[in-house]
Amino acid sequence: MSKYLLNRIIQIPERSMKEHFLCLFSSTLEFNNLFCSFKGEGTGAVRHLFSHHILKPEKTPLENNVWGTEKSSGTFSTLFKSRLLNAKKYLQVPFEIRLMNKMEKNHS
């Protein structure tokens, strides 16, 4: 299924949009490989490739739903919302996080 999605993304004529979707597709691969596993029974959540500090193939690998459902993680639709849309919102109103000294008071 992933190859169909990739083939359609490659056909997007506008370069900037194509690059955004290629980055998003790359993120879905973190959750669609032999190193992924379930977080818990019935949750729909998937542990991604980098959830552990070593590359350890799972005894029971899974194939994640590329498109996504309401309760899925690491799918195209959920990453579109959580990563791409959030990045676009940040570009509209960028901010920096700053640690405050104990002596400082937050005046915001």
C-alpha atoms as a PDB file:
ATOM      1  CA  MET A   1       0.000   0.000   0.000  1.00  0.00           C
ATOM      2  CA  SER A   2       2.855   2.385   0.758  1.00  0.00           C
ATOM      3  CA  LYS A   3       4.157   2.165  -2.795  1.00  0.00           C
ATOM      4  CA  TYR A   4       0.806   3.429  -4.140  1.00  0.00           C
ATOM      5  CA  LEU A   5       0.907   6.403  -1.811  1.00  0.00           C
ATOM      6  CA  LEU A   6       4.496   7.192  -2.766  1.00  0.00           C
ATOM      7  CA  ASN A   7       3.723   6.925  -6.485  1.00  0.00           C
ATOM      8  CA  ARG A   8       0.852   9.392  -6.134  1.00  0.00           C
ATOM      9  CA  ILE A   9       2.961  11.821  -4.086  1.00  0.00           C
ATOM     10  CA  ILE A  10       5.684  11.764  -6.738  1.00  0.00           C
ATOM     11  CA  GLN A  11       3.089  12.830  -9.308  1.00  0.00           C
ATOM     12  CA  ILE A  12       2.197  16.048  -7.439  1.00  0.00           C
ATOM     13  CA  PRO A  13       3.198  18.825  -9.855  1.00  0.00           C
ATOM     14  CA  GLU A  14       3.896  21.598  -7.328  1.00  0.00           C
ATOM     15  CA  ARG A  15       7.393  21.093  -5.913  1.00  0.00           C
ATOM     16  CA  SER A  16       6.838  22.567  -2.446  1.00  0.00           C
ATOM     17  CA  MET A  17       3.716  20.508  -1.816  1.00  0.00           C
ATOM     18  CA  LYS A  18       5.411  17.374  -3.145  1.00  0.00           C
ATOM     19  CA  GLU A  19       8.334  17.890  -0.748  1.00  0.00           C
ATOM     20  CA  HIS A  20       5.984  18.374   2.210  1.00  0.00           C
ATOM     21  CA  PHE A  21       4.190  15.142   1.412  1.00  0.00           C
ATOM     22  CA  LEU A  22       7.452  13.257   0.827  1.00  0.00           C
ATOM     23  CA  CYS A  23       8.602  14.276   4.324  1.00  0.00           C
ATOM     24  CA  LEU A  24       5.256  13.152   5.700  1.00  0.00           C
ATOM     25  CA  PHE A  25       5.544   9.847   3.827  1.00  0.00           C
ATOM     26  CA  SER A  26       9.045   9.377   5.249  1.00  0.00           C
ATOM     27  CA  SER A  27       7.589   9.773   8.741  1.00  0.00           C
ATOM     28  CA  THR A  28       5.020   7.061   8.072  1.00  0.00           C
ATOM     29  CA  LEU A  29       7.889   4.658   7.384  1.00  0.00           C
ATOM     30  CA  GLU A  30       8.959   5.013  11.037  1.00  0.00           C
ATOM     31  CA  PHE A  31       5.720   3.221  11.907  1.00  0.00           C
ATOM     32  CA  ASN A  32       5.621   0.729   9.008  1.00  0.00           C
ATOM     33  CA  ASN A  33       8.583  -1.638   9.217  1.00  0.00           C
ATOM     34  CA  LEU A  34       9.759  -4.854  10.887  1.00  0.00           C
ATOM     35  CA  PHE A  35      10.920  -2.985  14.000  1.00  0.00           C
ATOM     36  CA  CYS A  36       7.415  -1.777  14.964  1.00  0.00           C
ATOM     37  CA  SER A  37       5.210  -3.321  17.620  1.00  0.00           C
ATOM     38  CA  PHE A  38       1.889  -2.702  19.347  1.00  0.00           C
ATOM     39  CA  LYS A  39       1.878  -0.452  22.405  1.00  0.00           C
ATOM     40  CA  GLY A  40      -1.157  -2.155  23.830  1.00  0.00           C
ATOM     41  CA  GLU A  41      -3.979  -4.450  22.915  1.00  0.00           C
ATOM     42  CA  GLY A  42      -6.925  -2.634  21.316  1.00  0.00           C
ATOM     43  CA  THR A  43      -5.417   0.857  21.493  1.00  0.00           C
ATOM     44  CA  GLY A  44      -4.415   1.084  17.840  1.00  0.00           C
ATOM     45  CA  ALA A  45      -1.132   2.588  18.975  1.00  0.00           C
ATOM     46  CA  VAL A  46       2.108   1.470  17.344  1.00  0.00           C
ATOM     47  CA  ARG A  47       5.651   1.831  18.695  1.00  0.00           C
ATOM     48  CA  HIS A  48       7.802   3.379  16.010  1.00  0.00           C
ATOM     49  CA  LEU A  49      11.211   2.342  14.688  1.00  0.00           C
ATOM     50  CA  PHE A  50      13.100   4.586  17.120  1.00  0.00           C
ATOM     51  CA  SER A  51      11.141   3.727  20.272  1.00  0.00           C
ATOM     52  CA  HIS A  52      14.101   1.694  21.541  1.00  0.00           C
ATOM     53  CA  HIS A  53      17.819   2.532  21.485  1.00  0.00           C
ATOM     54  CA  ILE A  54      18.674  -0.599  19.490  1.00  0.00           C
ATOM     55  CA  LEU A  55      17.310  -1.953  16.230  1.00  0.00           C
ATOM     56  CA  LYS A  56      15.631  -5.101  17.478  1.00  0.00           C
ATOM     57  CA  PRO A  57      13.369  -6.927  15.021  1.00  0.00           C
ATOM     58  CA  GLU A  58      10.077  -7.781  16.684  1.00  0.00           C
ATOM     59  CA  LYS A  59       9.053 -11.412  17.169  1.00  0.00           C
ATOM     60  CA  THR A  60       5.597 -10.487  15.904  1.00  0.00           C
ATOM     61  CA  PRO A  61       6.033  -7.504  13.580  1.00  0.00           C
ATOM     62  CA  LEU A  62       2.939  -5.736  12.397  1.00  0.00           C
ATOM     63  CA  GLU A  63       1.800  -3.904   9.323  1.00  0.00           C
ATOM     64  CA  ASN A  64       0.372  -0.549  10.286  1.00  0.00           C
ATOM     65  CA  ASN A  65      -2.565   0.972   8.429  1.00  0.00           C
ATOM     66  CA  VAL A  66      -0.880   3.467   6.076  1.00  0.00           C
ATOM     67  CA  TRP A  67      -3.981   5.702   5.778  1.00  0.00           C
ATOM     68  CA  GLY A  68      -5.045   5.636   9.399  1.00  0.00           C
ATOM     69  CA  THR A  69      -8.148   5.366  11.529  1.00  0.00           C
ATOM     70  CA  GLU A  70      -9.487   7.422  14.419  1.00  0.00           C
ATOM     71  CA  LYS A  71      -7.375   5.454  16.924  1.00  0.00           C
ATOM     72  CA  SER A  72      -4.171   4.946  14.972  1.00  0.00           C
ATOM     73  CA  SER A  73      -0.649   6.251  15.389  1.00  0.00           C
ATOM     74  CA  GLY A  74       2.036   6.777  12.793  1.00  0.00           C
ATOM     75  CA  THR A  75      -0.346   6.790   9.860  1.00  0.00           C
ATOM     76  CA  PHE A  76      -0.540   9.267   7.022  1.00  0.00           C
ATOM     77  CA  SER A  77      -3.685  10.971   8.325  1.00  0.00           C
ATOM     78  CA  THR A  78      -2.574  11.212  11.962  1.00  0.00           C
ATOM     79  CA  LEU A  79       0.913  12.455  11.053  1.00  0.00           C
ATOM     80  CA  PHE A  80      -0.641  14.949   8.642  1.00  0.00           C
ATOM     81  CA  LYS A  81      -2.553  16.444  11.575  1.00  0.00           C
ATOM     82  CA  SER A  82       0.106  16.129  14.280  1.00  0.00           C
ATOM     83  CA  ARG A  83       3.220  17.051  12.294  1.00  0.00           C
ATOM     84  CA  LEU A  84       2.467  18.811   9.019  1.00  0.00           C
ATOM     85  CA  LEU A  85      -0.452  20.968  10.164  1.00  0.00           C
ATOM     86  CA  ASN A  86       1.327  21.825  13.426  1.00  0.00           C
ATOM     87  CA  ALA A  87       4.457  22.810  11.490  1.00  0.00           C
ATOM     88  CA  LYS A  88       2.377  25.057   9.235  1.00  0.00           C
ATOM     89  CA  LYS A  89       0.748  26.676  12.288  1.00  0.00           C
ATOM     90  CA  TYR A  90       4.186  27.267  13.810  1.00  0.00           C
ATOM     91  CA  LEU A  91       5.351  28.965  10.609  1.00  0.00           C
ATOM     92  CA  GLN A  92       2.442  31.403  10.914  1.00  0.00           C
ATOM     93  CA  VAL A  93       3.257  32.287  14.560  1.00  0.00           C
ATOM     94  CA  PRO A  94       6.775  31.097  15.475  1.00  0.00           C
ATOM     95  CA  PHE A  95       7.842  31.041  19.110  1.00  0.00           C
ATOM     96  CA  GLU A  96      10.780  29.933  21.216  1.00  0.00           C
ATOM     97  CA  ILE A  97      10.655  28.146  24.542  1.00  0.00           C
ATOM     98  CA  ARG A  98      12.843  29.671  27.223  1.00  0.00           C
ATOM     99  CA  LEU A  99      13.676  28.214  30.620  1.00  0.00           C
ATOM    100  CA  MET A 100      13.188  30.696  33.417  1.00  0.00           C
ATOM    101  CA  ASN A 101      15.485  31.239  36.352  1.00  0.00           C
ATOM    102  CA  LYS A 102      13.863  30.533  39.737  1.00  0.00           C
ATOM    103  CA  MET A 103      14.278  34.229  40.574  1.00  0.00           C
ATOM    104  CA  GLU A 104      12.413  35.364  37.457  1.00  0.00           C
ATOM    105  CA  LYS A 105       8.675  35.763  37.435  1.00  0.00           C
ATOM    106  CA  ASN A 106       6.609  34.886  34.422  1.00  0.00           C
ATOM    107  CA  HIS A 107       4.819  38.082  33.356  1.00  0.00           C
ATOM    108  CA  SER A 108       2.863  36.564  30.479  1.00  0.00           C
END
